[in-house]
Amino acid sequence: MQKNIVMKAFAALFILTLIWGYNWVVMKLAVQYASPFQFAALRTFLGAIMLFIVLFLMKRPLALKEFPTMLVLGLLQTCGFTGLLIWALVEGGAGKTAVLSYTMPFWVMLFAWPMLGEKVQGWQWLAVAFALFGIVLIFDPLHIKSDAFSMLLALFSGISWAISAIVSKKLHQRAPHLDLLNITAWPTLLGSLPIIFIALTAPAPPIQWTNTFVLTIVYSIFLSGSLAWVLWLYALQRLPAGVASMTSMLAPVIGVISAWIQLGERPGNLELAGMLFVALALVIISMVTMKKHVPVDPAMGQE
């Protein structure tokens, strides 16, 4: 049973990485027709409404519980992560923004050790080394000054996401009975409120409601917003936070490739080499995890 649960968790992460990987192209297209805060407000608020509709139709719990933690999650994973990365896309390229946002796993590794007691052991250290080296190659630090502000925004979005992962894990340990959709919907709604305020008050040209922009909104709401966060929380509750975070690093590789094909953002030789190292890291993590049959919370192991 444990092996089956682990395989399902990795399958959820794989689907998630495909959705989030291509989403960098979607977001880059969207900010050509709206300001970053206008797009982020539409994406997060409408995504939250969709989640609440699903909750109602499925007769799942609608009540807000653990309000302080839900508010923190909303500020971190919705306002912090989503808002900052969309802003970063306006200032810089989709591929590099994707990579910097996904420094998240290293921050998770740092915070999960003292806060969750999840130590990095054995072959996982080799995976961390490969992933770190790969990100450095893709990052190309020799050209950091060309778009430093964008890269700083992307970096902070990754840190915000990492802290939200730790908070989510601790919430599950404290209250494993909470409904998965409920704890996805409320942080999304609460985190969208500051973004809506900024979108309404910050000066910006009106939104251009083209067919392309409408499609980016639909993709963001149904796939990269609602569905993706459910998949992320599903995997996070069944795998160690560090393993789940490191596995999701395939998304920036997909983002770089997608931006290359569709936007013409061709990566250099160093970036391509970096993708290879990230892929090797993911293979090592997956093999080590499956071999050990990652222990799961009995409360979440009932399928």
Protein backbone atom coordinates (compact mmCIF):
# COMPACT_ATOMS: atom_id res chain seq x y z
CA MET A 1 0.00 0.00 0.00
CA GLN A 2 2.79 2.41 0.87
CA LYS A 3 4.52 1.90 -2.48
CA ASN A 4 1.24 2.53 -4.30
CA ILE A 5 0.70 5.78 -2.38
CA VAL A 6 4.24 6.95 -3.15
CA MET A 7 3.77 6.22 -6.85
CA LYS A 8 0.53 8.22 -6.87
CA ALA A 9 2.29 11.11 -5.15
CA PHE A 10 5.06 11.10 -7.76
CA ALA A 11 2.46 10.90 -10.55
CA ALA A 12 0.76 13.98 -9.09
CA LEU A 13 4.12 15.77 -9.04
CA PHE A 14 4.81 14.81 -12.67
CA ILE A 15 1.49 16.23 -13.86
CA LEU A 16 2.12 19.28 -11.71
CA THR A 17 5.52 19.91 -13.28
CA LEU A 18 4.06 19.75 -16.79
CA ILE A 19 1.35 22.26 -15.87
CA TRP A 20 3.64 24.65 -14.03
CA GLY A 21 6.44 24.23 -16.57
CA TYR A 22 4.37 25.44 -19.51
CA ASN A 23 2.67 28.04 -17.32
CA TRP A 24 5.78 30.27 -17.55
CA VAL A 25 5.03 30.78 -21.24
CA VAL A 26 1.35 31.36 -20.47
CA MET A 27 2.16 34.03 -17.88
CA LYS A 28 4.72 35.72 -20.13
CA LEU A 29 2.04 36.00 -22.82
CA ALA A 30 -0.53 37.29 -20.32
CA VAL A 31 1.54 40.23 -19.07
CA GLN A 32 1.69 41.56 -22.63
CA TYR A 33 -2.00 42.41 -22.33
CA ALA A 34 -2.32 43.39 -18.65
CA SER A 35 -0.20 44.64 -15.77
CA PRO A 36 1.31 41.91 -13.56
CA PHE A 37 -1.02 42.77 -10.69
CA GLN A 38 -4.12 42.89 -12.90
CA PHE A 39 -3.32 39.42 -14.23
CA ALA A 40 -2.38 38.06 -10.81
CA ALA A 41 -5.61 39.41 -9.30
CA LEU A 42 -7.76 37.77 -11.98
CA ARG A 43 -5.85 34.52 -11.76
CA THR A 44 -5.91 34.13 -7.99
CA PHE A 45 -9.38 35.51 -7.19
CA LEU A 46 -11.21 33.68 -9.98
CA GLY A 47 -9.23 30.55 -9.17
CA ALA A 48 -10.37 30.76 -5.56
CA ILE A 49 -14.01 31.20 -6.62
CA MET A 50 -13.71 28.11 -8.82
CA LEU A 51 -12.36 26.10 -5.89
CA PHE A 52 -15.27 27.15 -3.69
CA ILE A 53 -17.74 26.14 -6.42
CA VAL A 54 -16.11 22.69 -6.52
CA LEU A 55 -16.27 22.49 -2.72
CA PHE A 56 -19.99 23.31 -2.81
CA LEU A 57 -20.82 20.86 -5.60
CA MET A 58 -18.88 18.06 -3.90
CA LYS A 59 -20.46 18.90 -0.55
CA ARG A 60 -17.06 19.30 1.06
CA PRO A 61 -16.49 21.51 4.14
CA LEU A 62 -16.74 25.22 3.36
CA ALA A 63 -16.00 26.66 6.79
CA LEU A 64 -12.75 28.52 7.41
CA LYS A 65 -10.64 26.77 10.03
CA GLU A 66 -7.14 27.48 11.33
CA PHE A 67 -7.55 31.11 10.21
CA PRO A 68 -4.12 32.42 11.27
CA THR A 69 -2.35 29.63 9.38
CA MET A 70 -4.62 29.99 6.35
CA LEU A 71 -3.86 33.71 6.22
CA VAL A 72 -0.12 33.06 6.43
CA LEU A 73 -0.39 30.48 3.63
CA GLY A 74 -2.35 32.92 1.53
CA LEU A 75 0.22 35.67 1.95
CA LEU A 76 3.09 33.29 1.22
CA GLN A 77 1.93 31.02 -1.61
CA THR A 78 -0.64 33.26 -3.30
CA CYS A 79 0.42 36.85 -2.69
CA GLY A 80 4.15 36.20 -2.21
CA PHE A 81 4.93 33.40 -4.65
CA THR A 82 2.43 34.14 -7.43
CA GLY A 83 2.51 37.92 -7.23
CA LEU A 84 6.29 38.22 -7.18
CA LEU A 85 6.94 35.75 -9.99
CA ILE A 86 4.42 37.43 -12.32
CA TRP A 87 6.05 40.78 -11.57
CA ALA A 88 9.44 39.22 -12.30
CA LEU A 89 8.20 38.04 -15.70
CA VAL A 90 7.51 41.61 -16.76
CA GLU A 91 11.12 42.57 -16.06
CA GLY A 92 12.92 39.43 -17.29
CA GLY A 93 12.74 36.27 -19.39
CA ALA A 94 10.43 33.35 -18.67
CA GLY A 95 13.20 30.73 -18.53
CA LYS A 96 15.47 32.51 -16.06
CA THR A 97 12.52 33.55 -13.88
CA ALA A 98 11.38 29.93 -13.74
CA VAL A 99 14.80 28.71 -12.65
CA LEU A 100 15.23 31.32 -9.91
CA SER A 101 11.74 30.74 -8.50
CA TYR A 102 12.67 27.08 -8.24
CA THR A 103 15.54 27.74 -5.91
CA MET A 104 12.66 26.94 -3.55
CA PRO A 105 13.83 23.34 -2.88
CA PHE A 106 17.10 24.53 -1.37
CA TRP A 107 15.27 26.87 0.99
CA VAL A 108 12.95 24.01 1.90
CA MET A 109 15.95 21.82 2.66
CA LEU A 110 17.31 24.57 4.87
CA PHE A 111 14.08 25.21 6.82
CA ALA A 112 12.76 21.62 6.94
CA TRP A 113 15.77 20.36 8.88
CA PRO A 114 15.22 22.41 12.07
CA MET A 115 11.44 22.84 11.69
CA LEU A 116 10.36 19.37 10.52
CA GLY A 117 13.35 17.20 11.42
CA GLU A 118 13.70 16.04 7.78
CA LYS A 119 17.43 15.49 7.32
CA VAL A 120 19.10 15.20 3.95
CA GLN A 121 20.88 11.83 3.91
CA GLY A 122 22.95 9.55 1.72
CA TRP A 123 22.45 9.80 -2.02
CA GLN A 124 20.13 12.77 -1.55
CA TRP A 125 23.22 14.91 -0.96
CA LEU A 126 24.47 13.97 -4.44
CA ALA A 127 21.08 14.94 -5.86
CA VAL A 128 21.25 18.29 -4.07
CA ALA A 129 24.76 18.88 -5.43
CA PHE A 130 23.71 18.03 -9.01
CA ALA A 131 20.62 20.22 -8.76
CA LEU A 132 22.55 23.15 -7.30
CA PHE A 133 25.25 22.88 -9.96
CA GLY A 134 22.60 22.65 -12.66
CA ILE A 135 20.80 25.76 -11.43
CA VAL A 136 24.09 27.69 -11.32
CA LEU A 137 24.74 26.77 -14.95
CA ILE A 138 21.25 27.79 -16.04
CA PHE A 139 21.40 30.92 -13.90
CA ASP A 140 24.62 32.12 -15.59
CA PRO A 141 25.83 34.39 -12.75
CA LEU A 142 28.22 36.24 -15.05
CA HIS A 143 25.25 38.13 -16.48
CA ILE A 144 23.41 38.80 -13.23
CA LYS A 145 23.57 42.59 -13.55
CA SER A 146 21.58 42.68 -16.79
CA ASP A 147 18.24 41.97 -15.07
CA ALA A 148 19.09 42.00 -11.36
CA PHE A 149 15.70 43.37 -10.23
CA SER A 150 13.76 40.65 -12.04
CA MET A 151 16.02 37.95 -10.63
CA LEU A 152 15.65 39.34 -7.11
CA LEU A 153 11.85 39.22 -7.42
CA ALA A 154 12.02 35.64 -8.70
CA LEU A 155 14.35 34.64 -5.88
CA PHE A 156 12.02 36.04 -3.23
CA SER A 157 9.08 34.26 -4.83
CA GLY A 158 10.96 30.98 -4.39
CA ILE A 159 11.72 31.76 -0.74
CA SER A 160 8.06 32.62 -0.13
CA TRP A 161 6.96 29.34 -1.68
CA ALA A 162 9.49 27.38 0.39
CA ILE A 163 8.24 28.82 3.67
CA SER A 164 4.64 28.10 2.64
CA ALA A 165 5.62 24.45 2.05
CA ILE A 166 6.94 24.21 5.61
CA VAL A 167 3.81 25.88 7.00
CA SER A 168 1.58 23.50 5.01
CA LYS A 169 3.47 20.48 6.27
CA LYS A 170 3.24 21.61 9.88
CA LEU A 171 -0.49 22.32 9.46
CA HIS A 172 -1.06 18.79 8.20
CA GLN A 173 0.87 17.33 11.12
CA ARG A 174 -1.21 19.37 13.55
CA ALA A 175 -4.60 18.92 11.84
CA PRO A 176 -4.50 15.99 9.37
CA HIS A 177 -8.31 15.90 9.21
CA LEU A 178 -8.58 19.18 7.28
CA ASP A 179 -10.07 18.86 3.79
CA LEU A 180 -7.49 19.22 1.00
CA LEU A 181 -9.67 21.39 -1.25
CA ASN A 182 -10.68 23.57 1.69
CA ILE A 183 -7.08 24.34 2.67
CA THR A 184 -6.35 25.15 -0.98
CA ALA A 185 -9.34 27.44 -1.52
CA TRP A 186 -9.08 29.63 1.58
CA PRO A 187 -5.39 30.60 1.25
CA THR A 188 -5.97 31.33 -2.44
CA LEU A 189 -8.86 33.65 -1.62
CA LEU A 190 -7.17 35.35 1.33
CA GLY A 191 -3.92 35.80 -0.56
CA SER A 192 -5.72 37.31 -3.56
CA LEU A 193 -7.08 40.24 -1.54
CA PRO A 194 -3.80 42.22 -1.25
CA ILE A 195 -3.15 41.62 -4.96
CA ILE A 196 -6.63 42.90 -5.85
CA PHE A 197 -6.02 46.02 -3.76
CA ILE A 198 -2.74 46.75 -5.57
CA ALA A 199 -4.32 46.05 -8.97
CA LEU A 200 -7.12 48.55 -8.26
CA THR A 201 -4.90 51.29 -6.86
CA ALA A 202 -1.66 51.06 -8.86
CA PRO A 203 -1.61 53.06 -12.12
CA ALA A 204 -1.78 50.80 -15.17
CA PRO A 205 -3.28 50.83 -18.69
CA PRO A 206 -6.61 48.99 -19.17
CA ILE A 207 -6.58 45.25 -19.82
CA GLN A 208 -6.59 44.19 -23.48
CA TRP A 209 -9.22 41.44 -23.62
CA THR A 210 -7.81 39.54 -26.60
CA ASN A 211 -8.46 35.85 -27.29
CA THR A 212 -4.91 35.05 -26.19
CA PHE A 213 -5.37 36.84 -22.87
CA VAL A 214 -8.67 35.06 -22.19
CA LEU A 215 -7.00 31.70 -22.86
CA THR A 216 -4.18 32.54 -20.44
CA ILE A 217 -6.77 33.33 -17.75
CA VAL A 218 -8.56 30.02 -18.36
CA TYR A 219 -5.29 28.07 -18.19
CA SER A 220 -4.22 29.90 -15.04
CA ILE A 221 -7.52 29.34 -13.24
CA PHE A 222 -8.28 25.72 -14.08
CA LEU A 223 -4.81 24.22 -14.44
CA SER A 224 -1.91 26.17 -12.96
CA GLY A 225 -4.08 27.67 -10.22
CA SER A 226 -6.70 25.36 -8.73
CA LEU A 227 -5.62 21.92 -9.97
CA ALA A 228 -1.88 22.49 -9.55
CA TRP A 229 -2.11 23.59 -5.91
CA VAL A 230 -4.28 20.58 -5.09
CA LEU A 231 -1.70 18.28 -6.70
CA TRP A 232 1.11 20.06 -4.82
CA LEU A 233 -0.58 19.71 -1.43
CA TYR A 234 -1.53 16.09 -2.19
CA ALA A 235 2.11 15.20 -2.88
CA LEU A 236 3.44 17.32 -0.01
CA GLN A 237 1.26 15.46 2.50
CA ARG A 238 2.54 12.07 1.32
CA LEU A 239 6.23 12.76 0.75
CA PRO A 240 8.91 14.52 2.80
CA ALA A 241 8.86 18.25 2.06
CA GLY A 242 12.40 18.22 0.68
CA VAL A 243 11.75 15.29 -1.67
CA ALA A 244 8.50 16.80 -2.99
CA SER A 245 10.19 20.13 -3.56
CA MET A 246 13.26 18.70 -5.29
CA THR A 247 11.14 16.52 -7.60
CA SER A 248 9.10 19.52 -8.71
CA MET A 249 12.31 21.09 -10.03
CA LEU A 250 11.54 19.52 -13.40
CA ALA A 251 9.09 22.41 -13.96
CA PRO A 252 11.74 25.10 -14.68
CA VAL A 253 13.40 22.78 -17.19
CA ILE A 254 10.06 22.45 -18.98
CA GLY A 255 9.65 26.21 -18.68
CA VAL A 256 13.01 26.91 -20.33
CA ILE A 257 12.26 24.45 -23.17
CA SER A 258 8.76 25.87 -23.69
CA ALA A 259 10.07 29.45 -23.74
CA TRP A 260 12.71 28.38 -26.26
CA ILE A 261 10.15 26.78 -28.60
CA GLN A 262 7.32 29.30 -28.35
CA LEU A 263 8.95 32.59 -27.33
CA GLY A 264 12.32 32.23 -29.00
CA GLU A 265 14.20 32.48 -25.68
CA ARG A 266 16.95 30.11 -26.77
CA PRO A 267 19.07 28.79 -23.88
CA GLY A 268 22.83 28.70 -24.21
CA ASN A 269 25.08 25.68 -23.82
CA LEU A 270 25.46 26.29 -20.07
CA GLU A 271 21.68 26.31 -19.61
CA LEU A 272 21.32 23.05 -21.52
CA ALA A 273 24.02 21.46 -19.39
CA GLY A 274 22.23 22.72 -16.30
CA MET A 275 19.01 21.01 -17.39
CA LEU A 276 20.87 17.73 -17.60
CA PHE A 277 22.17 18.04 -14.04
CA VAL A 278 18.70 18.91 -12.76
CA ALA A 279 17.29 15.85 -14.53
CA LEU A 280 19.98 13.63 -12.96
CA ALA A 281 19.08 15.01 -9.54
CA LEU A 282 15.43 14.16 -10.09
CA VAL A 283 16.27 10.59 -11.12
CA ILE A 284 18.40 10.07 -7.99
CA ILE A 285 15.69 11.45 -5.70
CA SER A 286 12.96 9.32 -7.29
CA MET A 287 15.01 6.11 -7.07
CA VAL A 288 16.07 6.68 -3.47
CA THR A 289 12.54 7.52 -2.38
CA MET A 290 10.92 4.53 -4.09
CA LYS A 291 13.57 2.21 -2.66
CA LYS A 292 12.91 3.36 0.88
CA HIS A 293 9.11 3.33 0.46
CA VAL A 294 8.66 6.77 1.96
CA PRO A 295 6.67 6.52 5.20
CA VAL A 296 3.36 8.36 5.14
CA ASP A 297 0.97 9.63 7.74
CA PRO A 298 -1.50 6.80 8.50
CA ALA A 299 -4.32 9.35 8.54
CA MET A 300 -3.53 10.26 4.93
CA GLY A 301 -2.70 6.75 3.75
CA GLN A 302 -6.28 5.51 3.51
CA GLU A 303 -7.16 5.47 -0.18
